[in-house]
């Protein structure tokens, strides 16, 4: 097990404790990567591992999905603080492991510096790749990170496709594994959820940060179109925090168009989130987010038994394999494609058995992910 040395106050006895320095996104930032990083660090601490958390994102606002000068000033300040804390942590235990989640944007330059510090001052480096932006094409900054990392660095990916693409773009000699985000899904599979009756209204839902690159502009255009085509046979659920005045205006326009058939629930967490997904017959997620990886909401929707319409983008096709789903092409002009995909799901009759099939698909994916996750936790703790 990877360990650092620390002194207790009892006499001169020296004891050892596991040590990990985690560098990546953490809550209260609302995003899948932040939530998953926190879950992993909580798991390590519950097993007695000492974790030092160095957040790389500290904002909550428009900066979550777009960058301004103040955003970069804040990020640079945070980076310099993290470097100082990393150096201090290395003095306490050079045998510690650095657990690094690389940034998906220009901040990858900071991630490369973290990797270099890990190589110079720490015992091990584990890099957890959480988005597809670095495997769509070769990224020079990611290449620098790979070069800066120690030769025995362990790389962790979301799925085998991502792992293979990374190897082909950057290195054929890396040590690696993949761990799907199903492992950190915090919604249990629903039990005894009824399938959709052919005569019942269909409930269509969307949950995310309500912003363009997560597809909210497409949803805001598509929902009124579906409402017009299906009439009283369609109900609509919406949840999430609008980012920017334009998206607040989109919510109001939907209310005016759809009326009482639209149920907007704001931000939902815990039990509220579970009830949201269980109320959905079809969950739509037309994301085109540049840093998308494996969206947690897709696993959560599957756990509740909802059929899914999403985009052929990032790790989404791999998540939706063997599920009740449809995919469309990502883009701001995708409303009509989204409407067509929803109508095709309804016409196909698949909704009558979708809940059982979707929950079975989720449980299969979850079982595989949990096994990989257990190996990953032991790797982080130094038992590889």
Protein backbone atom coordinates (compact mmCIF):
# COMPACT_ATOMS: atom_id res chain seq x y z
CA UNK A 1 0.00 0.00 0.00
CA UNK A 2 1.26 3.52 -0.78
CA UNK A 3 1.99 5.27 2.50
CA UNK A 4 3.22 8.53 4.02
CA UNK A 5 4.78 8.98 7.41
CA UNK A 6 3.25 11.17 10.10
CA UNK A 7 3.84 11.49 13.85
CA UNK A 8 1.26 11.06 16.55
CA UNK A 9 1.54 13.00 19.80
CA UNK A 10 1.98 9.88 21.92
CA UNK A 11 5.66 9.64 22.83
CA UNK A 12 7.91 9.25 19.80
CA UNK A 13 5.95 6.47 18.10
CA UNK A 14 5.95 6.78 14.32
CA UNK A 15 2.95 5.37 12.43
CA UNK A 16 2.12 5.31 8.77
CA UNK A 17 -1.03 6.29 6.92
CA UNK A 18 -1.98 5.95 3.25
CA UNK A 19 -1.59 9.16 1.28
CA UNK A 20 -3.23 10.44 -1.93
CA UNK A 21 -3.19 13.95 -3.36
CA UNK A 22 -6.32 14.33 -5.53
CA UNK A 23 -6.14 17.13 -8.12
CA UNK A 24 -9.36 17.71 -10.02
CA UNK A 25 -12.92 19.08 -9.93
CA UNK A 26 -14.89 18.90 -6.69
CA UNK A 27 -18.32 20.09 -5.53
CA UNK A 28 -20.00 22.54 -5.05
CA UNK A 29 -19.35 22.79 -8.79
CA UNK A 30 -22.39 21.12 -10.40
CA UNK A 31 -21.06 18.59 -12.87
CA UNK A 32 -20.58 14.87 -13.26
CA UNK A 33 -16.79 14.90 -13.03
CA UNK A 34 -16.89 16.88 -9.76
CA UNK A 35 -19.47 14.57 -8.21
CA UNK A 36 -17.60 11.43 -9.28
CA UNK A 37 -14.26 12.73 -7.98
CA UNK A 38 -15.85 13.39 -4.59
CA UNK A 39 -17.42 9.90 -4.50
CA UNK A 40 -14.04 8.29 -5.22
CA UNK A 41 -12.24 10.36 -2.58
CA UNK A 42 -14.97 9.62 -0.03
CA UNK A 43 -14.53 5.90 -0.76
CA UNK A 44 -10.78 6.15 -0.20
CA UNK A 45 -11.22 8.03 3.07
CA UNK A 46 -13.80 5.51 4.28
CA UNK A 47 -11.14 2.84 3.79
CA UNK A 48 -8.66 4.76 5.93
CA UNK A 49 -6.73 6.47 3.15
CA UNK A 50 -5.61 10.01 3.84
CA UNK A 51 -6.71 12.25 0.94
CA UNK A 52 -5.61 15.81 0.24
CA UNK A 53 -8.14 17.46 -2.10
CA UNK A 54 -6.91 20.15 -4.48
CA UNK A 55 -9.91 21.57 -6.41
CA UNK A 56 -9.23 22.76 -9.95
CA UNK A 57 -12.63 24.45 -10.40
CA UNK A 58 -14.14 26.77 -7.84
CA UNK A 59 -16.77 28.74 -9.73
CA UNK A 60 -20.52 28.36 -9.99
CA UNK A 61 -22.08 30.49 -12.70
CA UNK A 62 -21.78 31.20 -16.38
CA UNK A 63 -18.09 30.23 -16.17
CA UNK A 64 -19.13 26.59 -15.90
CA UNK A 65 -19.70 26.44 -19.65
CA UNK A 66 -17.97 29.53 -21.08
CA UNK A 67 -14.75 31.34 -20.29
CA UNK A 68 -14.06 35.01 -19.57
CA UNK A 69 -11.01 36.95 -18.41
CA UNK A 70 -12.13 36.71 -14.78
CA UNK A 71 -12.56 32.95 -15.20
CA UNK A 72 -8.95 32.54 -16.33
CA UNK A 73 -7.68 34.83 -13.56
CA UNK A 74 -9.53 32.68 -11.02
CA UNK A 75 -8.22 29.47 -12.56
CA UNK A 76 -4.64 30.74 -12.58
CA UNK A 77 -4.88 31.80 -8.95
CA UNK A 78 -6.26 28.40 -8.02
CA UNK A 79 -3.50 26.68 -10.00
CA UNK A 80 -0.74 28.57 -8.17
CA UNK A 81 -2.34 27.71 -4.83
CA UNK A 82 -2.55 24.03 -5.79
CA UNK A 83 1.11 23.97 -6.81
CA UNK A 84 2.10 25.33 -3.40
CA UNK A 85 -0.08 22.75 -1.64
CA UNK A 86 1.32 19.92 -3.78
CA UNK A 87 4.87 20.88 -2.87
CA UNK A 88 3.93 21.06 0.80
CA UNK A 89 2.26 17.64 0.59
CA UNK A 90 5.35 16.16 -1.04
CA UNK A 91 7.46 17.22 1.93
CA UNK A 92 5.16 15.22 4.23
CA UNK A 93 5.28 12.10 2.12
CA UNK A 94 7.19 11.63 -1.12
CA UNK A 95 5.75 8.13 -1.49
CA UNK A 96 2.23 9.51 -1.86
CA UNK A 97 0.14 8.96 -4.99
CA UNK A 98 -1.09 11.88 -7.09
CA UNK A 99 -4.56 11.22 -8.48
CA UNK A 100 -5.02 13.66 -11.36
CA UNK A 101 -8.16 14.42 -13.38
CA UNK A 102 -6.93 16.47 -16.38
CA UNK A 103 -8.76 19.62 -17.40
CA UNK A 104 -10.77 19.38 -20.61
CA UNK A 105 -9.96 22.86 -21.95
CA UNK A 106 -6.86 25.10 -22.03
CA UNK A 107 -6.36 24.23 -18.36
CA UNK A 108 -4.73 21.01 -19.59
CA UNK A 109 -1.55 23.12 -19.54
CA UNK A 110 -1.95 23.30 -15.76
CA UNK A 111 -2.59 19.56 -15.66
CA UNK A 112 0.73 18.97 -17.46
CA UNK A 113 2.51 20.96 -14.73
CA UNK A 114 0.79 18.88 -12.05
CA UNK A 115 2.05 15.76 -13.84
CA UNK A 116 5.58 17.13 -13.90
CA UNK A 117 5.46 17.90 -10.18
CA UNK A 118 4.16 14.38 -9.54
CA UNK A 119 7.09 12.94 -11.51
CA UNK A 120 9.62 14.99 -9.57
CA UNK A 121 8.25 14.85 -6.04
CA UNK A 122 5.83 11.93 -5.57
CA UNK A 123 5.90 8.14 -5.67
CA UNK A 124 3.15 7.50 -8.24
CA UNK A 125 0.76 9.18 -10.63
CA UNK A 126 -2.71 7.95 -11.65
CA UNK A 127 -4.40 9.98 -14.41
CA UNK A 128 -8.19 9.64 -14.73
CA UNK A 129 -9.42 10.82 -18.15
CA UNK A 130 -13.03 12.01 -17.82
CA UNK A 131 -13.87 13.57 -21.20
CA UNK A 132 -13.54 12.81 -24.88
CA UNK A 133 -12.09 16.16 -25.96
CA UNK A 134 -8.55 14.77 -25.98
CA UNK A 135 -9.33 11.73 -28.11
CA UNK A 136 -11.31 13.37 -30.91
CA UNK A 137 -7.98 14.54 -32.31
CA UNK A 138 -4.39 14.87 -31.15
CA UNK A 139 -3.94 17.56 -28.49
CA UNK A 140 -0.44 18.96 -28.08
CA UNK A 141 -1.05 19.88 -24.44
CA UNK A 142 -2.20 16.37 -23.60
CA UNK A 143 0.89 15.04 -25.36
CA UNK A 144 2.98 17.22 -23.07
CA UNK A 145 1.19 15.79 -20.05
CA UNK A 146 1.95 12.24 -21.21
CA UNK A 147 5.59 13.18 -21.75
CA UNK A 148 5.83 14.89 -18.34
CA UNK A 149 4.30 11.94 -16.47
CA UNK A 150 6.47 9.15 -15.03
CA UNK A 151 6.87 6.12 -17.28
CA UNK A 152 4.91 3.95 -14.83
CA UNK A 153 1.91 6.32 -14.71
CA UNK A 154 -1.43 4.50 -14.75
CA UNK A 155 -4.10 5.94 -17.03
CA UNK A 156 -7.81 5.33 -16.36
CA UNK A 157 -10.49 5.80 -19.04
CA UNK A 158 -14.27 5.64 -19.25
CA UNK A 159 -14.65 2.87 -21.83
CA UNK A 160 -12.54 0.69 -24.15
CA UNK A 161 -13.14 2.97 -27.15
CA UNK A 162 -11.70 5.95 -25.32
CA UNK A 163 -8.78 3.85 -24.10
CA UNK A 164 -7.97 2.62 -27.61
CA UNK A 165 -8.21 6.09 -29.18
CA UNK A 166 -5.90 7.54 -26.53
CA UNK A 167 -3.31 4.82 -27.10
CA UNK A 168 -3.33 5.43 -30.85
CA UNK A 169 -3.04 9.20 -30.47
CA UNK A 170 -0.42 9.43 -27.71
CA UNK A 171 1.28 6.20 -26.73
CA UNK A 172 1.08 2.44 -27.20
CA UNK A 173 3.04 1.74 -24.03
CA UNK A 174 0.90 3.25 -21.29
CA UNK A 175 -0.45 1.20 -18.40
CA UNK A 176 -4.20 1.56 -18.41
CA UNK A 177 -7.69 0.30 -17.59
CA UNK A 178 -11.23 1.60 -18.04
CA UNK A 179 -13.92 2.18 -15.43
CA UNK A 180 -17.39 3.23 -16.65
CA UNK A 181 -19.25 5.94 -14.74
CA UNK A 182 -21.99 3.43 -13.94
CA UNK A 183 -19.79 2.52 -10.97
CA UNK A 184 -20.44 5.88 -9.31
CA UNK A 185 -24.14 6.10 -10.22
CA UNK A 186 -25.87 7.02 -6.97
CA UNK A 187 -29.37 5.94 -8.05
CA UNK A 188 -30.37 2.36 -7.37
CA UNK A 189 -32.29 0.49 -10.05
CA UNK A 190 -36.01 1.09 -9.68
CA UNK A 191 -38.23 -1.81 -8.66
CA UNK A 192 -41.79 -2.53 -9.77
CA UNK A 193 -42.00 0.47 -12.07
CA UNK A 194 -44.97 0.05 -14.45
CA UNK A 195 -44.39 0.08 -18.19
CA UNK A 196 -46.14 2.63 -20.36
CA UNK A 197 -49.71 1.73 -21.27
CA UNK A 198 -50.57 2.33 -24.92
CA UNK A 199 -53.44 4.62 -23.88
CA UNK A 200 -51.52 6.60 -21.24
CA UNK A 201 -49.81 9.94 -21.80
CA UNK A 202 -46.05 9.74 -22.39
CA UNK A 203 -43.82 11.79 -20.09
CA UNK A 204 -40.68 13.22 -21.72
CA UNK A 205 -37.97 14.70 -19.52
CA UNK A 206 -34.70 16.63 -19.61
CA UNK A 207 -32.33 17.25 -16.68
CA UNK A 208 -29.01 19.06 -16.84
CA UNK A 209 -27.49 22.46 -16.40
CA UNK A 210 -29.90 24.39 -18.63
CA UNK A 211 -27.38 25.68 -21.13
CA UNK A 212 -26.83 25.45 -24.86
CA UNK A 213 -23.94 23.01 -25.01
CA UNK A 214 -25.95 20.50 -22.96
CA UNK A 215 -28.68 20.82 -25.59
CA UNK A 216 -31.20 22.96 -23.74
CA UNK A 217 -31.72 25.18 -26.79
CA UNK A 218 -32.67 22.06 -28.77
CA UNK A 219 -35.00 20.85 -26.00
CA UNK A 220 -36.66 24.27 -25.67
CA UNK A 221 -37.46 24.19 -29.38
CA UNK A 222 -38.42 20.50 -29.53
CA UNK A 223 -40.79 20.26 -26.54
CA UNK A 224 -43.41 22.68 -27.96
CA UNK A 225 -43.22 20.83 -31.30
CA UNK A 226 -43.87 17.50 -29.57
CA UNK A 227 -46.68 19.09 -27.55
CA UNK A 228 -48.34 20.28 -30.74
CA UNK A 229 -47.99 16.91 -32.50
CA UNK A 230 -49.03 14.65 -29.62
CA UNK A 231 -51.51 16.92 -27.88
CA UNK A 232 -52.77 15.65 -24.54
CA UNK A 233 -50.80 12.42 -24.98
CA UNK A 234 -47.57 14.17 -24.01
CA UNK A 235 -46.37 15.48 -20.65
CA UNK A 236 -43.03 17.22 -20.06
CA UNK A 237 -40.59 17.28 -17.14
CA UNK A 238 -37.73 19.76 -16.87
CA UNK A 239 -35.09 20.09 -14.15
CA UNK A 240 -31.83 21.93 -13.70
CA UNK A 241 -30.45 25.41 -13.17
CA UNK A 242 -30.68 27.86 -16.09
CA UNK A 243 -27.34 29.46 -16.94
CA UNK A 244 -27.79 32.97 -18.33
CA UNK A 245 -30.80 35.16 -19.03
CA UNK A 246 -31.42 33.61 -22.44
CA UNK A 247 -32.08 30.23 -20.88
CA UNK A 248 -34.37 31.75 -18.26
CA UNK A 249 -36.29 33.24 -21.17
CA UNK A 250 -36.46 29.82 -22.85
CA UNK A 251 -38.12 28.33 -19.76
CA UNK A 252 -40.73 31.08 -19.75
CA UNK A 253 -41.38 30.62 -23.48
CA UNK A 254 -41.92 26.90 -22.92
CA UNK A 255 -44.38 27.63 -20.11
CA UNK A 256 -46.31 29.96 -22.37
CA UNK A 257 -46.37 27.41 -25.21
CA UNK A 258 -46.95 24.14 -23.33
CA UNK A 259 -48.86 25.41 -20.31
CA UNK A 260 -49.68 23.08 -17.44
CA UNK A 261 -48.27 20.07 -19.31
CA UNK A 262 -44.77 21.37 -18.47
CA UNK A 263 -43.54 20.55 -14.96
CA UNK A 264 -40.36 22.53 -14.20
CA UNK A 265 -38.78 21.35 -10.93
CA UNK A 266 -35.65 23.50 -10.70
CA UNK A 267 -32.51 21.82 -9.37
CA UNK A 268 -33.12 18.33 -8.02
CA UNK A 269 -30.92 16.17 -5.82
CA UNK A 270 -31.23 12.92 -3.92
CA UNK A 271 -34.81 11.70 -3.56
CA UNK A 272 -36.13 14.50 -5.79
CA UNK A 273 -33.81 13.39 -8.58
CA UNK A 274 -34.88 9.77 -8.20
CA UNK A 275 -38.54 10.76 -8.46
CA UNK A 276 -37.78 12.87 -11.53
CA UNK A 277 -36.24 9.98 -13.45
CA UNK A 278 -38.89 7.49 -12.37
CA UNK A 279 -41.54 9.86 -13.75
CA UNK A 280 -39.87 9.93 -17.18
CA UNK A 281 -40.96 7.50 -19.89
CA UNK A 282 -38.44 9.02 -22.31
CA UNK A 283 -35.38 10.98 -21.22
CA UNK A 284 -33.81 13.28 -23.83
CA UNK A 285 -30.25 14.54 -23.68
CA UNK A 286 -29.07 16.26 -26.92
CA UNK A 287 -25.65 17.24 -25.56
CA UNK A 288 -22.91 18.68 -27.73
CA UNK A 289 -20.71 19.73 -24.78
CA UNK A 290 -17.09 19.87 -25.93
CA UNK A 291 -15.86 18.22 -22.72
CA UNK A 292 -18.54 15.53 -22.57
CA UNK A 293 -17.50 12.08 -21.43
CA UNK A 294 -20.01 9.55 -20.07
CA UNK A 295 -22.95 11.61 -18.78
CA UNK A 296 -24.11 10.46 -15.35
CA UNK A 297 -27.70 11.38 -16.20
CA UNK A 298 -27.86 8.62 -18.82
CA UNK A 299 -27.03 5.93 -16.27
CA UNK A 300 -29.50 7.52 -13.83
CA UNK A 301 -32.25 7.50 -16.47
CA UNK A 302 -31.49 3.85 -17.29
CA UNK A 303 -31.59 2.92 -13.59
CA UNK A 304 -35.12 4.35 -13.45
CA UNK A 305 -36.13 2.51 -16.63
CA UNK A 306 -36.58 5.48 -18.95
CA UNK A 307 -35.99 5.07 -22.68
CA UNK A 308 -33.39 7.54 -23.97
CA UNK A 309 -32.89 9.85 -26.93
CA UNK A 310 -29.40 11.35 -26.97
CA UNK A 311 -26.62 12.37 -29.34
CA UNK A 312 -23.96 10.38 -31.18
CA UNK A 313 -21.32 12.23 -29.22
CA UNK A 314 -18.37 11.46 -26.90
CA UNK A 315 -18.98 8.30 -24.82
CA UNK A 316 -22.76 8.36 -25.24
CA UNK A 317 -23.05 5.63 -27.94
CA UNK A 318 -21.07 3.20 -25.75
CA UNK A 319 -23.31 3.92 -22.75
CA UNK A 320 -26.46 3.37 -24.80
CA UNK A 321 -25.37 0.10 -26.40
CA UNK A 322 -27.90 -2.70 -25.69
CA UNK A 323 -30.41 -0.17 -24.31
CA UNK A 324 -33.81 1.14 -25.40
CA UNK A 325 -32.64 4.29 -27.11
CA UNK A 326 -32.27 6.43 -30.21
CA UNK A 327 -29.36 8.66 -31.19
CA UNK A 328 -29.33 11.86 -33.23
CA UNK A 329 -26.50 14.02 -34.53
CA UNK A 330 -25.26 16.77 -32.18
CA UNK A 331 -25.93 20.37 -33.12
CA UNK A 332 -28.03 23.45 -32.42
CA UNK A 333 -30.32 22.55 -35.34
CA UNK A 334 -31.29 19.18 -33.89
CA UNK A 335 -34.83 19.92 -32.66
CA UNK A 336 -36.63 18.26 -35.57
CA UNK A 337 -34.38 15.20 -35.31
CA UNK A 338 -35.14 15.00 -31.59
CA UNK A 339 -38.87 15.19 -32.27
CA UNK A 340 -38.63 12.46 -34.91
CA UNK A 341 -36.64 10.18 -32.59
CA UNK A 342 -39.18 10.60 -29.77
CA UNK A 343 -42.06 9.89 -32.15
CA UNK A 344 -40.25 6.82 -33.50
CA UNK A 345 -39.82 5.43 -29.97
CA UNK A 346 -43.52 5.92 -29.28
CA UNK A 347 -44.66 4.41 -32.61
CA UNK A 348 -42.35 1.41 -32.25
CA UNK A 349 -44.22 0.09 -29.21
CA UNK A 350 -40.91 -0.37 -27.35
CA UNK A 351 -42.12 1.75 -24.43
CA UNK A 352 -44.47 -1.05 -23.38
CA UNK A 353 -41.47 -3.13 -22.21
CA UNK A 354 -38.85 -0.40 -21.99
CA UNK A 355 -38.63 -0.14 -18.19
CA UNK A 356 -37.84 -3.79 -17.61
CA UNK A 357 -35.36 -3.91 -20.51
CA UNK A 358 -33.69 -0.65 -19.54
CA UNK A 359 -33.26 -1.62 -15.90
CA UNK A 360 -31.80 -4.99 -16.97
CA UNK A 361 -29.36 -3.18 -19.28
CA UNK A 362 -28.34 -0.85 -16.45
CA UNK A 363 -27.79 -3.69 -13.98
CA UNK A 364 -25.57 -5.49 -16.49
CA UNK A 365 -23.48 -2.37 -17.09
CA UNK A 366 -23.37 -1.64 -13.37
CA UNK A 367 -22.11 -5.12 -12.46
CA UNK A 368 -19.19 -4.85 -14.88
CA UNK A 369 -18.42 -1.27 -13.80
CA UNK A 370 -18.48 -2.18 -10.09
CA UNK A 371 -15.95 -4.95 -10.62
CA UNK A 372 -13.63 -2.58 -12.46
CA UNK A 373 -14.19 0.13 -9.87
CA UNK A 374 -13.11 -2.19 -7.04
CA UNK A 375 -9.86 -2.89 -8.91
CA UNK A 376 -9.41 0.85 -9.51
CA UNK A 377 -9.81 1.71 -5.81
CA UNK A 378 -7.21 -0.91 -4.88
CA UNK A 379 -4.93 0.55 -7.55
CA UNK A 380 -5.26 4.03 -6.03
CA UNK A 381 -4.52 2.64 -2.58
CA UNK A 382 -1.33 1.10 -3.90
CA UNK A 383 -2.35 -2.56 -4.13
CA UNK A 384 -1.57 -2.95 -7.86
